[in-house]
Amino acid sequence: MSVDWVGYGYAALVASGGIMGYVKAGSVPSLAAGLLFGGVAGIGAYQISQNPKDVWVSLAASGTLAGIMGMRFFKSRKFMPAGLMAAASVLMVGKIGMGMLQKPHEP
């Protein structure tokens, strides 16, 4: 089994974004959302590491963040933090989608 390093990195990015939102602006909702979505993305990365076909938790977390942060980016037109998180989330959704389309490897 291969470890989903990209998924774990994405989870760390989301969680650290929430922590930075709290440190810089004192935003408790940013902290809570970052830790919640980062944790869910970490669980999704763990599940993908155990079974590459078990993508639904990771897909739900990254897809939800892509939508929410994408809307925030279009409203504010500020790349940081909404644009960065939207872009990272869209890339993660694309990575998961590409993994779903690949043929399974025969052992």
N, C-alpha and C. Protein backbone atom coordinates (compact mmCIF):
# COMPACT_ATOMS: atom_id res chain seq x y z
N MET A 1 0.83 -1.18 0.00
CA MET A 1 0.00 0.00 0.00
C MET A 1 0.88 1.25 0.00
N SER A 2 0.46 2.22 -0.75
CA SER A 2 1.22 3.46 -0.78
C SER A 2 0.53 4.50 0.11
N VAL A 3 1.33 5.35 0.70
CA VAL A 3 0.82 6.40 1.59
C VAL A 3 0.40 7.59 0.74
N ASP A 4 -0.74 8.18 1.06
CA ASP A 4 -1.26 9.34 0.34
C ASP A 4 -0.60 10.61 0.89
N TRP A 5 0.66 10.83 0.50
CA TRP A 5 1.40 11.99 1.01
C TRP A 5 0.77 13.31 0.58
N VAL A 6 0.23 13.35 -0.62
CA VAL A 6 -0.43 14.57 -1.09
C VAL A 6 -1.64 14.88 -0.22
N GLY A 7 -2.40 13.86 0.12
CA GLY A 7 -3.57 14.04 0.98
C GLY A 7 -3.21 14.51 2.37
N TYR A 8 -2.14 13.94 2.93
CA TYR A 8 -1.69 14.39 4.24
C TYR A 8 -1.16 15.83 4.19
N GLY A 9 -0.47 16.16 3.12
CA GLY A 9 0.02 17.54 2.96
C GLY A 9 -1.13 18.53 2.83
N TYR A 10 -2.16 18.14 2.09
CA TYR A 10 -3.35 18.99 1.95
C TYR A 10 -4.02 19.19 3.31
N ALA A 11 -4.14 18.11 4.08
CA ALA A 11 -4.75 18.20 5.41
C ALA A 11 -3.96 19.14 6.30
N ALA A 12 -2.63 19.05 6.24
CA ALA A 12 -1.78 19.94 7.03
C ALA A 12 -1.93 21.39 6.58
N LEU A 13 -2.04 21.62 5.27
CA LEU A 13 -2.23 22.97 4.75
C LEU A 13 -3.53 23.56 5.25
N VAL A 14 -4.60 22.78 5.23
CA VAL A 14 -5.91 23.26 5.68
C VAL A 14 -5.87 23.58 7.18
N ALA A 15 -5.33 22.67 7.97
CA ALA A 15 -5.26 22.89 9.41
C ALA A 15 -4.38 24.08 9.75
N SER A 16 -3.24 24.20 9.08
CA SER A 16 -2.34 25.33 9.37
C SER A 16 -2.96 26.65 8.91
N GLY A 17 -3.77 26.62 7.87
CA GLY A 17 -4.48 27.82 7.44
C GLY A 17 -5.46 28.29 8.50
N GLY A 18 -6.15 27.38 9.13
CA GLY A 18 -7.05 27.74 10.22
C GLY A 18 -6.30 28.31 11.41
N ILE A 19 -5.16 27.71 11.73
CA ILE A 19 -4.35 28.20 12.84
C ILE A 19 -3.82 29.60 12.53
N MET A 20 -3.36 29.82 11.29
CA MET A 20 -2.85 31.13 10.91
C MET A 20 -3.96 32.19 10.94
N GLY A 21 -5.17 31.82 10.55
CA GLY A 21 -6.29 32.74 10.61
C GLY A 21 -6.57 33.17 12.04
N TYR A 22 -6.40 32.24 12.97
CA TYR A 22 -6.60 32.57 14.37
C TYR A 22 -5.46 33.44 14.90
N VAL A 23 -4.23 33.09 14.56
CA VAL A 23 -3.07 33.83 15.06
C VAL A 23 -3.06 35.26 14.52
N LYS A 24 -3.31 35.43 13.23
CA LYS A 24 -3.22 36.76 12.61
C LYS A 24 -4.43 37.64 12.90
N ALA A 25 -5.64 37.05 12.87
CA ALA A 25 -6.84 37.87 12.99
C ALA A 25 -7.68 37.55 14.23
N GLY A 26 -7.27 36.56 15.00
CA GLY A 26 -8.04 36.17 16.17
C GLY A 26 -9.37 35.52 15.80
N SER A 27 -9.44 34.92 14.62
CA SER A 27 -10.68 34.35 14.11
C SER A 27 -10.88 32.93 14.63
N VAL A 28 -11.78 32.80 15.59
CA VAL A 28 -12.09 31.48 16.13
C VAL A 28 -12.80 30.61 15.08
N PRO A 29 -13.72 31.19 14.25
CA PRO A 29 -14.32 30.35 13.21
C PRO A 29 -13.29 29.79 12.23
N SER A 30 -12.26 30.57 11.89
CA SER A 30 -11.20 30.06 11.01
C SER A 30 -10.46 28.91 11.67
N LEU A 31 -10.17 29.06 12.94
CA LEU A 31 -9.48 27.99 13.67
C LEU A 31 -10.33 26.73 13.70
N ALA A 32 -11.60 26.87 14.05
CA ALA A 32 -12.48 25.71 14.14
C ALA A 32 -12.65 25.04 12.78
N ALA A 33 -12.92 25.82 11.74
CA ALA A 33 -13.11 25.26 10.41
C ALA A 33 -11.83 24.62 9.89
N GLY A 34 -10.70 25.28 10.11
CA GLY A 34 -9.43 24.73 9.64
C GLY A 34 -9.10 23.41 10.30
N LEU A 35 -9.30 23.35 11.61
CA LEU A 35 -9.00 22.10 12.31
C LEU A 35 -10.01 21.01 11.96
N LEU A 36 -11.28 21.39 11.82
CA LEU A 36 -12.29 20.41 11.45
C LEU A 36 -12.03 19.83 10.05
N PHE A 37 -11.89 20.72 9.06
CA PHE A 37 -11.68 20.24 7.69
C PHE A 37 -10.31 19.60 7.53
N GLY A 38 -9.30 20.11 8.22
CA GLY A 38 -7.98 19.49 8.17
C GLY A 38 -8.01 18.08 8.75
N GLY A 39 -8.75 17.92 9.85
CA GLY A 39 -8.89 16.59 10.45
C GLY A 39 -9.63 15.63 9.54
N VAL A 40 -10.72 16.11 8.93
CA VAL A 40 -11.48 15.26 8.02
C VAL A 40 -10.62 14.89 6.80
N ALA A 41 -9.87 15.86 6.28
CA ALA A 41 -8.98 15.57 5.15
C ALA A 41 -7.89 14.58 5.54
N GLY A 42 -7.41 14.67 6.79
CA GLY A 42 -6.42 13.70 7.27
C GLY A 42 -7.00 12.30 7.37
N ILE A 43 -8.24 12.21 7.84
CA ILE A 43 -8.92 10.91 7.89
C ILE A 43 -9.09 10.36 6.48
N GLY A 44 -9.45 11.23 5.55
CA GLY A 44 -9.59 10.80 4.15
C GLY A 44 -8.28 10.31 3.57
N ALA A 45 -7.18 11.00 3.89
CA ALA A 45 -5.87 10.57 3.40
C ALA A 45 -5.49 9.21 4.00
N TYR A 46 -5.83 9.01 5.25
CA TYR A 46 -5.56 7.71 5.89
C TYR A 46 -6.35 6.61 5.19
N GLN A 47 -7.64 6.90 4.91
CA GLN A 47 -8.47 5.88 4.25
C GLN A 47 -7.95 5.56 2.86
N ILE A 48 -7.51 6.57 2.12
CA ILE A 48 -6.96 6.32 0.79
C ILE A 48 -5.66 5.53 0.90
N SER A 49 -4.87 5.79 1.94
CA SER A 49 -3.63 5.04 2.14
C SER A 49 -3.92 3.56 2.40
N GLN A 50 -5.02 3.27 3.08
CA GLN A 50 -5.39 1.89 3.39
C GLN A 50 -6.05 1.20 2.19
N ASN A 51 -6.91 1.95 1.47
CA ASN A 51 -7.63 1.40 0.33
C ASN A 51 -7.78 2.51 -0.71
N PRO A 52 -7.05 2.46 -1.81
CA PRO A 52 -7.08 3.54 -2.80
C PRO A 52 -8.46 3.84 -3.39
N LYS A 53 -9.42 2.92 -3.24
CA LYS A 53 -10.76 3.16 -3.76
C LYS A 53 -11.66 3.89 -2.75
N ASP A 54 -11.22 4.03 -1.52
CA ASP A 54 -12.01 4.66 -0.46
C ASP A 54 -11.73 6.16 -0.43
N VAL A 55 -12.28 6.87 -1.42
CA VAL A 55 -11.95 8.28 -1.62
C VAL A 55 -13.02 9.25 -1.13
N TRP A 56 -14.15 8.75 -0.65
CA TRP A 56 -15.32 9.60 -0.48
C TRP A 56 -15.16 10.65 0.62
N VAL A 57 -14.51 10.33 1.72
CA VAL A 57 -14.32 11.32 2.79
C VAL A 57 -13.41 12.44 2.30
N SER A 58 -12.32 12.08 1.67
CA SER A 58 -11.38 13.07 1.15
C SER A 58 -12.03 13.92 0.06
N LEU A 59 -12.81 13.28 -0.80
CA LEU A 59 -13.49 14.01 -1.87
C LEU A 59 -14.53 14.98 -1.30
N ALA A 60 -15.25 14.56 -0.26
CA ALA A 60 -16.24 15.44 0.36
C ALA A 60 -15.58 16.65 1.01
N ALA A 61 -14.47 16.42 1.72
CA ALA A 61 -13.79 17.53 2.39
C ALA A 61 -13.22 18.52 1.38
N SER A 62 -12.50 18.03 0.39
CA SER A 62 -11.87 18.93 -0.58
C SER A 62 -12.91 19.58 -1.49
N GLY A 63 -13.96 18.86 -1.85
CA GLY A 63 -15.01 19.43 -2.67
C GLY A 63 -15.78 20.53 -1.95
N THR A 64 -16.09 20.30 -0.69
CA THR A 64 -16.77 21.31 0.11
C THR A 64 -15.91 22.56 0.26
N LEU A 65 -14.64 22.36 0.57
CA LEU A 65 -13.75 23.51 0.71
C LEU A 65 -13.56 24.24 -0.61
N ALA A 66 -13.50 23.52 -1.71
CA ALA A 66 -13.37 24.16 -3.02
C ALA A 66 -14.56 25.08 -3.26
N GLY A 67 -15.75 24.61 -2.94
CA GLY A 67 -16.95 25.43 -3.14
C GLY A 67 -17.00 26.64 -2.22
N ILE A 68 -16.79 26.41 -0.94
CA ILE A 68 -16.87 27.51 0.03
C ILE A 68 -15.80 28.55 -0.21
N MET A 69 -14.56 28.10 -0.34
CA MET A 69 -13.46 29.05 -0.51
C MET A 69 -13.47 29.67 -1.90
N GLY A 70 -13.98 28.95 -2.88
CA GLY A 70 -14.13 29.52 -4.22
C GLY A 70 -15.11 30.68 -4.21
N MET A 71 -16.23 30.52 -3.51
CA MET A 71 -17.19 31.62 -3.39
C MET A 71 -16.61 32.81 -2.64
N ARG A 72 -15.86 32.53 -1.58
CA ARG A 72 -15.23 33.62 -0.83
C ARG A 72 -14.20 34.35 -1.70
N PHE A 73 -13.46 33.60 -2.52
CA PHE A 73 -12.48 34.22 -3.39
C PHE A 73 -13.15 35.12 -4.43
N PHE A 74 -14.23 34.65 -5.04
CA PHE A 74 -14.90 35.45 -6.06
C PHE A 74 -15.55 36.70 -5.46
N LYS A 75 -15.97 36.63 -4.20
CA LYS A 75 -16.55 37.81 -3.55
C LYS A 75 -15.48 38.82 -3.16
N SER A 76 -14.37 38.33 -2.62
CA SER A 76 -13.34 39.24 -2.10
C SER A 76 -12.25 39.58 -3.11
N ARG A 77 -12.03 38.71 -4.08
CA ARG A 77 -10.95 38.86 -5.07
C ARG A 77 -9.56 38.89 -4.40
N LYS A 78 -9.46 38.34 -3.20
CA LYS A 78 -8.17 38.27 -2.49
C LYS A 78 -7.66 36.84 -2.56
N PHE A 79 -6.42 36.70 -3.05
CA PHE A 79 -5.86 35.36 -3.19
C PHE A 79 -5.60 34.70 -1.83
N MET A 80 -5.17 35.50 -0.87
CA MET A 80 -4.89 34.94 0.46
C MET A 80 -6.03 35.28 1.39
N PRO A 81 -6.59 34.36 2.08
CA PRO A 81 -6.36 32.92 2.05
C PRO A 81 -7.33 32.17 1.15
N ALA A 82 -8.43 32.85 0.76
CA ALA A 82 -9.51 32.13 0.06
C ALA A 82 -9.06 31.57 -1.28
N GLY A 83 -8.34 32.33 -2.07
CA GLY A 83 -7.89 31.86 -3.37
C GLY A 83 -6.94 30.69 -3.29
N LEU A 84 -6.02 30.76 -2.33
CA LEU A 84 -5.06 29.67 -2.14
C LEU A 84 -5.77 28.39 -1.75
N MET A 85 -6.69 28.48 -0.79
CA MET A 85 -7.40 27.29 -0.34
C MET A 85 -8.32 26.74 -1.43
N ALA A 86 -8.95 27.64 -2.20
CA ALA A 86 -9.80 27.19 -3.30
C ALA A 86 -8.96 26.47 -4.35
N ALA A 87 -7.81 27.03 -4.70
CA ALA A 87 -6.94 26.40 -5.70
C ALA A 87 -6.42 25.05 -5.21
N ALA A 88 -5.97 24.99 -3.96
CA ALA A 88 -5.48 23.73 -3.41
C ALA A 88 -6.59 22.68 -3.37
N SER A 89 -7.79 23.11 -3.04
CA SER A 89 -8.92 22.18 -2.96
C SER A 89 -9.32 21.68 -4.34
N VAL A 90 -9.33 22.56 -5.32
CA VAL A 90 -9.65 22.13 -6.69
C VAL A 90 -8.59 21.15 -7.19
N LEU A 91 -7.33 21.42 -6.90
CA LEU A 91 -6.27 20.48 -7.29
C LEU A 91 -6.44 19.13 -6.61
N MET A 92 -6.85 19.15 -5.35
CA MET A 92 -7.07 17.90 -4.62
C MET A 92 -8.24 17.12 -5.20
N VAL A 93 -9.32 17.82 -5.55
CA VAL A 93 -10.45 17.16 -6.19
C VAL A 93 -10.01 16.55 -7.52
N GLY A 94 -9.18 17.27 -8.28
CA GLY A 94 -8.66 16.74 -9.54
C GLY A 94 -7.79 15.52 -9.34
N LYS A 95 -6.95 15.54 -8.32
CA LYS A 95 -6.09 14.39 -8.02
C LYS A 95 -6.93 13.17 -7.67
N ILE A 96 -7.96 13.38 -6.86
CA ILE A 96 -8.83 12.26 -6.49
C ILE A 96 -9.58 11.75 -7.71
N GLY A 97 -10.08 12.67 -8.52
CA GLY A 97 -10.80 12.28 -9.73
C GLY A 97 -9.93 11.48 -10.69
N MET A 98 -8.69 11.91 -10.86
CA MET A 98 -7.78 11.17 -11.73
C MET A 98 -7.51 9.78 -11.17
N GLY A 99 -7.38 9.69 -9.86
CA GLY A 99 -7.17 8.38 -9.24
C GLY A 99 -8.35 7.46 -9.43
N MET A 100 -9.55 8.03 -9.46
CA MET A 100 -10.76 7.22 -9.65
C MET A 100 -10.85 6.71 -11.09
N LEU A 101 -10.29 7.45 -12.04
CA LEU A 101 -10.38 7.07 -13.44
C LEU A 101 -9.32 6.05 -13.86
N GLN A 102 -8.26 5.93 -13.08
CA GLN A 102 -7.18 4.99 -13.44
C GLN A 102 -7.62 3.55 -13.24
N LYS A 103 -7.05 2.68 -14.05
CA LYS A 103 -7.29 1.25 -13.88
C LYS A 103 -6.66 0.80 -12.57
N PRO A 104 -7.29 -0.16 -11.89
CA PRO A 104 -6.65 -0.69 -10.68
C PRO A 104 -5.41 -1.50 -11.06
N HIS A 105 -4.41 -1.42 -10.22
CA HIS A 105 -3.17 -2.16 -10.46
C HIS A 105 -3.34 -3.60 -10.01
N GLU A 106 -2.88 -4.49 -10.82
CA GLU A 106 -2.91 -5.92 -10.46
C GLU A 106 -1.69 -6.23 -9.60
N PRO A 107 -1.90 -6.94 -8.49
CA PRO A 107 -0.72 -7.28 -7.64
C PRO A 107 0.18 -8.30 -8.25
